[in-house]
Amino acid sequence: MWVLALTTICAVSFSVGQSAVPVSAWTSWGCKWNHANVKYWAPSPYLSYPTWTSAANSWAGLDASYTVVTSTYDVYALNENRGNTVTWTGVTRKKGTIQSLPTCTGGYMTTGQVETVLNWSLMDSLGYSAAKRQGAAAHEIGHALGLHHVPSSNVLMYGADTRTVTTPQSDDKAGVNALY
């Protein structure tokens, strides 16, 4: 009997003494820009131009901006037709590579050396809707702003295309605001 009483007292003491640890729903991949007005270029003849524009607009109103320009850009946004030769529908990469991480020097990305890419033909074969394409583009913009994958499927930076949202959520936005 005294063992049961002691076990109950210990369990109650443990649960009462335990404090909630705040958990961040965003993660940085350790690299960001040294300026808050991140400029991107998406050539308008590309099929993905409206998708990138819509995705960029979904990140509006934060401490960092993602603005379209036609010259002197930080990020080049494009689409490729790699089909199933790669496993990604979108990637943020070092310019000129298939999927290498962008160069990060002293915690900062290098202007003109970052690409965000949509694998348009794979999205076609998977039957992606316009909203799902925009969500993939917005996810890659999150990486271009410095965010990494998180384990929760109800935020944009979830690491799989099975995410349940297509626009940045409050936790995604909080991450960008914290970085900039």
N, C-alpha and C. Protein backbone atom coordinates (compact mmCIF):
# COMPACT_ATOMS: atom_id res chain seq x y z
N MET A 1 0.82 -1.19 0.00
CA MET A 1 0.00 0.00 0.00
C MET A 1 0.86 1.25 0.00
N TRP A 2 1.90 1.27 0.85
CA TRP A 2 2.74 2.46 0.90
C TRP A 2 3.48 2.68 -0.42
N VAL A 3 3.77 1.60 -1.18
CA VAL A 3 4.42 1.74 -2.48
C VAL A 3 3.48 2.46 -3.45
N LEU A 4 2.20 2.07 -3.43
CA LEU A 4 1.21 2.72 -4.29
C LEU A 4 1.06 4.19 -3.93
N ALA A 5 1.02 4.50 -2.63
CA ALA A 5 0.88 5.89 -2.18
C ALA A 5 2.10 6.70 -2.59
N LEU A 6 3.30 6.13 -2.43
CA LEU A 6 4.53 6.83 -2.80
C LEU A 6 4.58 7.05 -4.31
N THR A 7 4.17 6.06 -5.08
CA THR A 7 4.14 6.18 -6.54
C THR A 7 3.19 7.29 -6.96
N THR A 8 2.01 7.33 -6.32
CA THR A 8 1.02 8.35 -6.64
C THR A 8 1.54 9.74 -6.29
N ILE A 9 2.16 9.89 -5.13
CA ILE A 9 2.71 11.18 -4.71
C ILE A 9 3.81 11.62 -5.68
N CYS A 10 4.69 10.71 -6.06
CA CYS A 10 5.77 11.05 -7.00
C CYS A 10 5.22 11.45 -8.35
N ALA A 11 4.22 10.73 -8.83
CA ALA A 11 3.64 11.04 -10.13
C ALA A 11 2.96 12.40 -10.11
N VAL A 12 2.22 12.70 -9.04
CA VAL A 12 1.56 14.00 -8.92
C VAL A 12 2.61 15.10 -8.79
N SER A 13 3.64 14.88 -7.99
CA SER A 13 4.70 15.88 -7.82
C SER A 13 5.40 16.14 -9.15
N PHE A 14 5.64 15.09 -9.90
CA PHE A 14 6.33 15.24 -11.18
C PHE A 14 5.48 16.05 -12.15
N SER A 15 4.18 15.72 -12.24
CA SER A 15 3.35 16.43 -13.21
C SER A 15 3.07 17.86 -12.79
N VAL A 16 2.99 18.14 -11.50
CA VAL A 16 2.78 19.51 -11.04
C VAL A 16 4.05 20.32 -11.21
N GLY A 17 5.19 19.71 -10.94
CA GLY A 17 6.47 20.42 -11.02
C GLY A 17 6.97 20.60 -12.44
N GLN A 18 6.39 19.89 -13.37
CA GLN A 18 6.83 19.96 -14.75
C GLN A 18 6.30 21.25 -15.38
N SER A 19 7.17 21.98 -16.07
CA SER A 19 6.71 23.20 -16.73
C SER A 19 6.70 23.00 -18.23
N ALA A 20 5.83 23.72 -18.88
CA ALA A 20 5.74 23.63 -20.34
C ALA A 20 6.94 24.31 -20.96
N VAL A 21 7.55 23.64 -21.88
CA VAL A 21 8.69 24.19 -22.60
C VAL A 21 8.19 24.76 -23.91
N PRO A 22 8.43 26.05 -24.17
CA PRO A 22 7.96 26.60 -25.43
C PRO A 22 8.65 25.92 -26.61
N VAL A 23 7.87 25.63 -27.62
CA VAL A 23 8.40 24.96 -28.80
C VAL A 23 8.22 25.89 -30.00
N SER A 24 9.28 26.08 -30.74
CA SER A 24 9.20 26.91 -31.93
C SER A 24 8.71 26.07 -33.10
N ALA A 25 7.76 26.60 -33.85
CA ALA A 25 7.24 25.87 -35.00
C ALA A 25 7.98 26.27 -36.27
N TRP A 26 9.08 26.97 -36.15
CA TRP A 26 9.89 27.31 -37.31
C TRP A 26 11.34 27.03 -36.96
N THR A 27 12.13 26.78 -37.99
CA THR A 27 13.55 26.50 -37.81
C THR A 27 14.32 27.20 -38.92
N SER A 28 15.46 27.77 -38.55
CA SER A 28 16.34 28.37 -39.55
C SER A 28 17.29 27.31 -40.06
N TRP A 29 17.69 27.38 -41.32
CA TRP A 29 18.70 26.44 -41.81
C TRP A 29 20.10 27.01 -41.64
N GLY A 30 20.20 28.14 -40.92
CA GLY A 30 21.50 28.70 -40.56
C GLY A 30 22.02 29.74 -41.53
N CYS A 31 21.22 30.12 -42.50
CA CYS A 31 21.66 31.09 -43.48
C CYS A 31 20.49 32.01 -43.82
N LYS A 32 20.77 33.29 -43.95
CA LYS A 32 19.74 34.26 -44.34
C LYS A 32 20.43 35.35 -45.15
N TRP A 33 19.73 36.41 -45.46
CA TRP A 33 20.30 37.54 -46.20
C TRP A 33 20.79 38.59 -45.22
N ASN A 34 21.77 39.39 -45.64
CA ASN A 34 22.26 40.47 -44.78
C ASN A 34 21.44 41.74 -44.99
N HIS A 35 20.32 41.62 -45.68
CA HIS A 35 19.39 42.73 -45.91
C HIS A 35 17.97 42.16 -45.90
N ALA A 36 17.01 43.01 -45.58
CA ALA A 36 15.64 42.54 -45.42
C ALA A 36 14.80 42.64 -46.70
N ASN A 37 15.27 43.35 -47.71
CA ASN A 37 14.53 43.44 -48.98
C ASN A 37 15.16 42.46 -49.97
N VAL A 38 14.69 41.23 -49.94
CA VAL A 38 15.22 40.18 -50.80
C VAL A 38 14.58 40.33 -52.18
N LYS A 39 15.42 40.41 -53.20
CA LYS A 39 14.94 40.63 -54.57
C LYS A 39 15.04 39.34 -55.38
N TYR A 40 13.99 39.04 -56.11
CA TYR A 40 14.01 37.85 -56.96
C TYR A 40 13.65 38.22 -58.38
N TRP A 41 14.07 37.38 -59.30
CA TRP A 41 13.73 37.54 -60.71
C TRP A 41 13.13 36.25 -61.21
N ALA A 42 11.94 36.35 -61.77
CA ALA A 42 11.28 35.21 -62.42
C ALA A 42 10.94 35.67 -63.83
N PRO A 43 11.64 35.18 -64.82
CA PRO A 43 11.38 35.62 -66.20
C PRO A 43 9.91 35.40 -66.58
N SER A 44 9.27 36.44 -67.07
CA SER A 44 7.84 36.37 -67.35
C SER A 44 7.44 35.39 -68.44
N PRO A 45 8.31 35.01 -69.38
CA PRO A 45 7.85 33.99 -70.33
C PRO A 45 7.68 32.60 -69.70
N TYR A 46 8.30 32.36 -68.55
CA TYR A 46 8.21 31.03 -67.94
C TYR A 46 6.78 30.72 -67.52
N LEU A 47 6.39 29.47 -67.67
CA LEU A 47 5.08 29.02 -67.21
C LEU A 47 4.86 29.33 -65.73
N SER A 48 5.94 29.29 -64.96
CA SER A 48 5.83 29.44 -63.52
C SER A 48 5.75 30.89 -63.05
N TYR A 49 5.88 31.88 -63.94
CA TYR A 49 5.90 33.28 -63.52
C TYR A 49 4.70 33.64 -62.63
N PRO A 50 3.45 33.36 -63.04
CA PRO A 50 2.32 33.71 -62.17
C PRO A 50 2.35 32.96 -60.83
N THR A 51 2.87 31.75 -60.85
CA THR A 51 2.97 30.96 -59.62
C THR A 51 3.94 31.61 -58.66
N TRP A 52 5.12 32.01 -59.15
CA TRP A 52 6.11 32.67 -58.30
C TRP A 52 5.58 34.00 -57.77
N THR A 53 4.89 34.75 -58.62
CA THR A 53 4.34 36.05 -58.20
C THR A 53 3.32 35.87 -57.09
N SER A 54 2.42 34.93 -57.25
CA SER A 54 1.41 34.65 -56.23
C SER A 54 2.06 34.17 -54.94
N ALA A 55 3.05 33.30 -55.06
CA ALA A 55 3.75 32.77 -53.88
C ALA A 55 4.48 33.89 -53.15
N ALA A 56 5.15 34.78 -53.89
CA ALA A 56 5.86 35.91 -53.27
C ALA A 56 4.88 36.81 -52.53
N ASN A 57 3.74 37.08 -53.14
CA ASN A 57 2.73 37.93 -52.50
C ASN A 57 2.21 37.32 -51.21
N SER A 58 2.23 36.00 -51.10
CA SER A 58 1.73 35.35 -49.88
C SER A 58 2.65 35.61 -48.68
N TRP A 59 3.88 36.06 -48.92
CA TRP A 59 4.82 36.39 -47.85
C TRP A 59 4.81 37.89 -47.51
N ALA A 60 3.88 38.66 -48.04
CA ALA A 60 3.85 40.11 -47.83
C ALA A 60 3.54 40.47 -46.38
N GLY A 61 3.96 41.68 -45.99
CA GLY A 61 3.62 42.21 -44.67
C GLY A 61 4.52 41.75 -43.54
N LEU A 62 5.72 41.28 -43.86
CA LEU A 62 6.64 40.79 -42.84
C LEU A 62 7.81 41.75 -42.66
N ASP A 63 8.71 41.43 -41.73
CA ASP A 63 9.90 42.25 -41.52
C ASP A 63 10.89 42.12 -42.66
N ALA A 64 10.73 41.12 -43.49
CA ALA A 64 11.53 40.97 -44.71
C ALA A 64 10.55 40.99 -45.88
N SER A 65 11.00 41.55 -47.01
CA SER A 65 10.14 41.55 -48.19
C SER A 65 10.78 40.71 -49.28
N TYR A 66 9.96 40.22 -50.17
CA TYR A 66 10.41 39.39 -51.30
C TYR A 66 9.85 40.05 -52.54
N THR A 67 10.69 40.82 -53.23
CA THR A 67 10.26 41.73 -54.29
C THR A 67 10.78 41.29 -55.64
N VAL A 68 9.92 41.34 -56.67
CA VAL A 68 10.34 40.99 -58.02
C VAL A 68 11.10 42.17 -58.65
N VAL A 69 12.19 41.84 -59.33
CA VAL A 69 13.00 42.82 -60.07
C VAL A 69 13.40 42.19 -61.40
N THR A 70 14.03 42.98 -62.25
CA THR A 70 14.51 42.44 -63.53
C THR A 70 16.02 42.45 -63.64
N SER A 71 16.69 43.02 -62.66
CA SER A 71 18.16 43.00 -62.66
C SER A 71 18.65 43.06 -61.22
N THR A 72 19.90 42.72 -61.02
CA THR A 72 20.53 42.70 -59.70
C THR A 72 19.64 42.01 -58.67
N TYR A 73 19.40 40.75 -58.89
CA TYR A 73 18.53 39.97 -58.02
C TYR A 73 19.35 39.13 -57.05
N ASP A 74 18.71 38.77 -55.93
CA ASP A 74 19.30 37.85 -54.97
C ASP A 74 18.98 36.41 -55.36
N VAL A 75 17.74 36.18 -55.77
CA VAL A 75 17.24 34.84 -56.05
C VAL A 75 16.67 34.78 -57.47
N TYR A 76 17.01 33.73 -58.19
CA TYR A 76 16.48 33.49 -59.52
C TYR A 76 15.42 32.41 -59.39
N ALA A 77 14.18 32.74 -59.75
CA ALA A 77 13.06 31.80 -59.63
C ALA A 77 12.71 31.27 -61.01
N LEU A 78 12.68 29.96 -61.17
CA LEU A 78 12.44 29.39 -62.49
C LEU A 78 11.72 28.05 -62.38
N ASN A 79 11.35 27.53 -63.53
CA ASN A 79 10.83 26.17 -63.58
C ASN A 79 11.72 25.34 -64.50
N GLU A 80 11.78 24.06 -64.21
CA GLU A 80 12.52 23.11 -65.04
C GLU A 80 11.62 21.91 -65.29
N ASN A 81 11.96 21.16 -66.31
CA ASN A 81 11.21 19.95 -66.62
C ASN A 81 12.13 18.74 -66.43
N ARG A 82 12.34 18.38 -65.18
CA ARG A 82 13.20 17.25 -64.85
C ARG A 82 12.42 15.95 -64.71
N GLY A 83 11.09 16.04 -64.74
CA GLY A 83 10.27 14.84 -64.59
C GLY A 83 10.62 14.08 -63.34
N ASN A 84 10.65 12.75 -63.44
CA ASN A 84 10.97 11.94 -62.27
C ASN A 84 12.45 11.58 -62.20
N THR A 85 13.31 12.35 -62.89
CA THR A 85 14.76 12.12 -62.78
C THR A 85 15.28 12.64 -61.45
N VAL A 86 14.48 13.43 -60.74
CA VAL A 86 14.78 13.89 -59.38
C VAL A 86 13.53 13.62 -58.55
N THR A 87 13.67 13.65 -57.24
CA THR A 87 12.53 13.33 -56.38
C THR A 87 11.81 14.57 -55.87
N TRP A 88 12.25 15.75 -56.27
CA TRP A 88 11.65 16.97 -55.74
C TRP A 88 10.74 17.65 -56.75
N THR A 89 9.69 18.27 -56.20
CA THR A 89 8.82 19.12 -57.02
C THR A 89 9.28 20.56 -56.95
N GLY A 90 10.06 20.88 -55.94
CA GLY A 90 10.64 22.20 -55.79
C GLY A 90 11.94 22.09 -55.02
N VAL A 91 12.87 23.02 -55.28
CA VAL A 91 14.15 23.00 -54.58
C VAL A 91 14.69 24.43 -54.51
N THR A 92 15.40 24.71 -53.43
CA THR A 92 16.17 25.95 -53.30
C THR A 92 17.62 25.51 -53.30
N ARG A 93 18.39 26.05 -54.23
CA ARG A 93 19.73 25.49 -54.45
C ARG A 93 20.74 26.57 -54.80
N LYS A 94 22.00 26.15 -54.79
CA LYS A 94 23.09 26.99 -55.27
C LYS A 94 22.97 27.08 -56.79
N LYS A 95 23.15 28.26 -57.32
CA LYS A 95 23.03 28.49 -58.76
C LYS A 95 23.88 27.51 -59.54
N GLY A 96 23.27 26.92 -60.58
CA GLY A 96 24.00 26.04 -61.48
C GLY A 96 24.13 24.60 -61.02
N THR A 97 23.52 24.24 -59.90
CA THR A 97 23.58 22.85 -59.42
C THR A 97 22.19 22.23 -59.53
N ILE A 98 22.12 20.93 -59.32
CA ILE A 98 20.81 20.27 -59.36
C ILE A 98 20.09 20.43 -58.02
N GLN A 99 20.82 20.27 -56.92
CA GLN A 99 20.16 20.42 -55.62
C GLN A 99 21.12 20.70 -54.47
N SER A 100 22.28 21.28 -54.73
CA SER A 100 23.21 21.62 -53.65
C SER A 100 22.69 22.84 -52.89
N LEU A 101 22.90 22.84 -51.58
CA LEU A 101 22.48 23.99 -50.77
C LEU A 101 23.17 25.26 -51.24
N PRO A 102 22.48 26.40 -51.14
CA PRO A 102 23.14 27.66 -51.48
C PRO A 102 24.36 27.91 -50.60
N THR A 103 25.32 28.63 -51.15
CA THR A 103 26.51 28.99 -50.39
C THR A 103 26.12 29.91 -49.24
N CYS A 104 26.68 29.62 -48.08
CA CYS A 104 26.39 30.42 -46.89
C CYS A 104 27.73 30.82 -46.28
N THR A 105 28.03 32.10 -46.30
CA THR A 105 29.29 32.60 -45.75
C THR A 105 28.98 33.50 -44.56
N GLY A 106 29.47 33.11 -43.40
CA GLY A 106 29.22 33.90 -42.20
C GLY A 106 27.75 34.01 -41.84
N GLY A 107 26.96 33.02 -42.25
CA GLY A 107 25.53 33.02 -41.95
C GLY A 107 24.67 33.74 -42.98
N TYR A 108 25.30 34.18 -44.08
CA TYR A 108 24.56 34.93 -45.10
C TYR A 108 24.69 34.30 -46.48
N MET A 109 23.58 34.37 -47.23
CA MET A 109 23.58 33.89 -48.62
C MET A 109 24.22 34.94 -49.52
N THR A 110 24.66 34.50 -50.71
CA THR A 110 25.34 35.37 -51.66
C THR A 110 24.38 35.82 -52.76
N THR A 111 24.30 37.12 -52.97
CA THR A 111 23.44 37.70 -54.01
C THR A 111 23.72 37.07 -55.37
N GLY A 112 22.65 36.69 -56.05
CA GLY A 112 22.76 36.13 -57.39
C GLY A 112 23.16 34.68 -57.46
N GLN A 113 23.37 34.04 -56.33
CA GLN A 113 23.84 32.65 -56.32
C GLN A 113 22.81 31.67 -55.77
N VAL A 114 21.57 32.11 -55.64
CA VAL A 114 20.50 31.25 -55.11
C VAL A 114 19.42 31.11 -56.17
N GLU A 115 18.97 29.87 -56.38
CA GLU A 115 17.87 29.60 -57.30
C GLU A 115 16.75 28.87 -56.55
N THR A 116 15.52 29.27 -56.82
CA THR A 116 14.36 28.51 -56.38
C THR A 116 13.74 27.93 -57.65
N VAL A 117 13.49 26.63 -57.63
CA VAL A 117 13.10 25.93 -58.85
C VAL A 117 11.86 25.07 -58.60
N LEU A 118 10.95 25.09 -59.56
CA LEU A 118 9.81 24.18 -59.56
C LEU A 118 10.01 23.16 -60.67
N ASN A 119 9.82 21.89 -60.36
CA ASN A 119 9.92 20.81 -61.34
C ASN A 119 8.54 20.68 -61.99
N TRP A 120 8.33 21.51 -63.00
CA TRP A 120 7.00 21.68 -63.60
C TRP A 120 6.43 20.38 -64.16
N SER A 121 7.25 19.61 -64.86
CA SER A 121 6.74 18.38 -65.48
C SER A 121 6.35 17.33 -64.43
N LEU A 122 7.07 17.25 -63.32
CA LEU A 122 6.68 16.31 -62.26
C LEU A 122 5.38 16.77 -61.62
N MET A 123 5.24 18.09 -61.42
CA MET A 123 3.98 18.61 -60.89
C MET A 123 2.82 18.28 -61.83
N ASP A 124 3.06 18.40 -63.13
CA ASP A 124 2.03 18.03 -64.12
C ASP A 124 1.64 16.56 -63.97
N SER A 125 2.64 15.69 -63.92
CA SER A 125 2.34 14.26 -63.86
C SER A 125 1.67 13.86 -62.54
N LEU A 126 1.90 14.64 -61.48
CA LEU A 126 1.26 14.36 -60.19
C LEU A 126 -0.10 15.05 -60.07
N GLY A 127 -0.48 15.81 -61.09
CA GLY A 127 -1.79 16.45 -61.09
C GLY A 127 -1.92 17.62 -60.13
N TYR A 128 -0.84 18.37 -59.93
CA TYR A 128 -0.89 19.50 -59.00
C TYR A 128 -1.87 20.57 -59.47
N SER A 129 -2.69 21.04 -58.56
CA SER A 129 -3.58 22.17 -58.83
C SER A 129 -2.74 23.45 -58.80
N ALA A 130 -3.33 24.55 -59.25
CA ALA A 130 -2.64 25.85 -59.20
C ALA A 130 -2.29 26.20 -57.75
N ALA A 131 -3.20 25.92 -56.82
CA ALA A 131 -2.95 26.22 -55.41
C ALA A 131 -1.79 25.40 -54.86
N LYS A 132 -1.72 24.13 -55.23
CA LYS A 132 -0.64 23.27 -54.74
C LYS A 132 0.71 23.71 -55.33
N ARG A 133 0.73 24.14 -56.59
CA ARG A 133 1.96 24.67 -57.20
C ARG A 133 2.40 25.93 -56.47
N GLN A 134 1.44 26.81 -56.19
CA GLN A 134 1.74 28.04 -55.48
C GLN A 134 2.28 27.73 -54.09
N GLY A 135 1.72 26.71 -53.44
CA GLY A 135 2.22 26.30 -52.13
C GLY A 135 3.65 25.79 -52.19
N ALA A 136 3.98 25.03 -53.23
CA ALA A 136 5.36 24.55 -53.39
C ALA A 136 6.30 25.72 -53.62
N ALA A 137 5.88 26.70 -54.43
CA ALA A 137 6.71 27.88 -54.68
C ALA A 137 6.88 28.70 -53.40
N ALA A 138 5.80 28.89 -52.65
CA ALA A 138 5.89 29.64 -51.39
C ALA A 138 6.80 28.92 -50.40
N HIS A 139 6.77 27.60 -50.39
CA HIS A 139 7.66 26.81 -49.53
C HIS A 139 9.12 27.08 -49.90
N GLU A 140 9.43 27.08 -51.20
CA GLU A 140 10.81 27.35 -51.63
C GLU A 140 11.23 28.77 -51.29
N ILE A 141 10.31 29.72 -51.38
CA ILE A 141 10.61 31.09 -50.97
C ILE A 141 10.95 31.12 -49.48
N GLY A 142 10.24 30.33 -48.69
CA GLY A 142 10.57 30.22 -47.26
C GLY A 142 12.02 29.82 -47.06
N HIS A 143 12.50 28.84 -47.85
CA HIS A 143 13.91 28.46 -47.77
C HIS A 143 14.80 29.62 -48.20
N ALA A 144 14.41 30.32 -49.27
CA ALA A 144 15.22 31.44 -49.76
C ALA A 144 15.29 32.57 -48.74
N LEU A 145 14.32 32.64 -47.84
CA LEU A 145 14.35 33.63 -46.77
C LEU A 145 15.09 33.13 -45.53
N GLY A 146 15.44 31.84 -45.51
CA GLY A 146 16.23 31.30 -44.40
C GLY A 146 15.55 30.26 -43.55
N LEU A 147 14.33 29.87 -43.88
CA LEU A 147 13.62 28.87 -43.08
C LEU A 147 13.97 27.45 -43.51
N HIS A 148 13.91 26.53 -42.56
CA HIS A 148 14.19 25.12 -42.81
C HIS A 148 12.89 24.33 -42.61
N HIS A 149 12.94 23.04 -42.86
CA HIS A 149 11.77 22.18 -42.68
C HIS A 149 11.41 22.03 -41.20
N VAL A 150 10.12 21.83 -40.97
CA VAL A 150 9.60 21.55 -39.63
C VAL A 150 8.74 20.29 -39.70
N PRO A 151 8.52 19.62 -38.57
CA PRO A 151 7.79 18.34 -38.59
C PRO A 151 6.26 18.46 -38.61
N SER A 152 5.72 19.65 -38.59
CA SER A 152 4.27 19.82 -38.53
C SER A 152 3.68 20.06 -39.91
N SER A 153 2.72 19.23 -40.32
CA SER A 153 2.16 19.32 -41.68
C SER A 153 1.18 20.48 -41.85
N ASN A 154 0.86 21.20 -40.77
CA ASN A 154 -0.08 22.31 -40.90
C ASN A 154 0.63 23.67 -41.03
N VAL A 155 1.92 23.65 -41.35
CA VAL A 155 2.65 24.87 -41.67
C VAL A 155 3.29 24.71 -43.04
N LEU A 156 3.58 25.81 -43.68
CA LEU A 156 4.10 25.78 -45.04
C LEU A 156 5.47 25.12 -45.13
N MET A 157 6.28 25.23 -44.09
CA MET A 157 7.64 24.72 -44.15
C MET A 157 7.75 23.24 -43.78
N TYR A 158 6.62 22.54 -43.75
CA TYR A 158 6.65 21.08 -43.62
C TYR A 158 7.43 20.52 -44.80
N GLY A 159 8.26 19.52 -44.55
CA GLY A 159 9.20 19.05 -45.55
C GLY A 159 8.68 18.11 -46.61
N ALA A 160 7.38 17.91 -46.71
CA ALA A 160 6.84 17.02 -47.74
C ALA A 160 5.65 17.69 -48.42
N ASP A 161 5.39 17.31 -49.63
CA ASP A 161 4.28 17.91 -50.37
C ASP A 161 2.92 17.47 -49.87
N THR A 162 2.89 16.69 -48.82
CA THR A 162 1.62 16.31 -48.21
C THR A 162 1.17 17.36 -47.20
N ARG A 163 1.87 18.51 -47.15
CA ARG A 163 1.47 19.58 -46.23
C ARG A 163 0.02 19.95 -46.53
N THR A 164 -0.66 20.45 -45.51
CA THR A 164 -2.08 20.74 -45.64
C THR A 164 -2.38 22.20 -45.96
N VAL A 165 -1.35 23.03 -46.12
CA VAL A 165 -1.54 24.46 -46.41
C VAL A 165 -0.74 24.85 -47.65
N THR A 166 -1.13 25.95 -48.27
CA THR A 166 -0.44 26.42 -49.48
C THR A 166 0.06 27.85 -49.34
N THR A 167 -0.12 28.44 -48.17
CA THR A 167 0.37 29.80 -47.90
C THR A 167 1.08 29.81 -46.55
N PRO A 168 1.94 30.79 -46.31
CA PRO A 168 2.63 30.87 -45.02
C PRO A 168 1.62 31.02 -43.88
N GLN A 169 1.85 30.27 -42.82
CA GLN A 169 1.01 30.34 -41.63
C GLN A 169 1.70 31.22 -40.59
N SER A 170 1.05 31.47 -39.48
CA SER A 170 1.59 32.39 -38.47
C SER A 170 2.97 31.96 -37.99
N ASP A 171 3.21 30.65 -37.85
CA ASP A 171 4.52 30.19 -37.41
C ASP A 171 5.59 30.41 -38.48
N ASP A 172 5.23 30.23 -39.75
CA ASP A 172 6.17 30.50 -40.84
C ASP A 172 6.55 31.98 -40.84
N LYS A 173 5.55 32.84 -40.70
CA LYS A 173 5.77 34.29 -40.70
C LYS A 173 6.59 34.71 -39.48
N ALA A 174 6.31 34.10 -38.33
CA ALA A 174 7.08 34.41 -37.12
C ALA A 174 8.55 34.09 -37.32
N GLY A 175 8.83 33.01 -38.04
CA GLY A 175 10.22 32.65 -38.32
C GLY A 175 10.93 33.70 -39.14
N VAL A 176 10.29 34.17 -40.20
CA VAL A 176 10.90 35.22 -41.03
C VAL A 176 11.09 36.49 -40.21
N ASN A 177 10.08 36.87 -39.44
CA ASN A 177 10.21 38.08 -38.62
C ASN A 177 11.32 37.95 -37.59
N ALA A 178 11.52 36.78 -37.04
CA ALA A 178 12.60 36.57 -36.06
C ALA A 178 13.97 36.65 -36.73
N LEU A 179 14.06 36.18 -37.97
CA LEU A 179 15.35 36.22 -38.68
C LEU A 179 15.73 37.63 -39.11
N TYR A 180 14.75 38.46 -39.41
CA TYR A 180 15.03 39.80 -39.93
C TYR A 180 14.57 40.89 -38.98
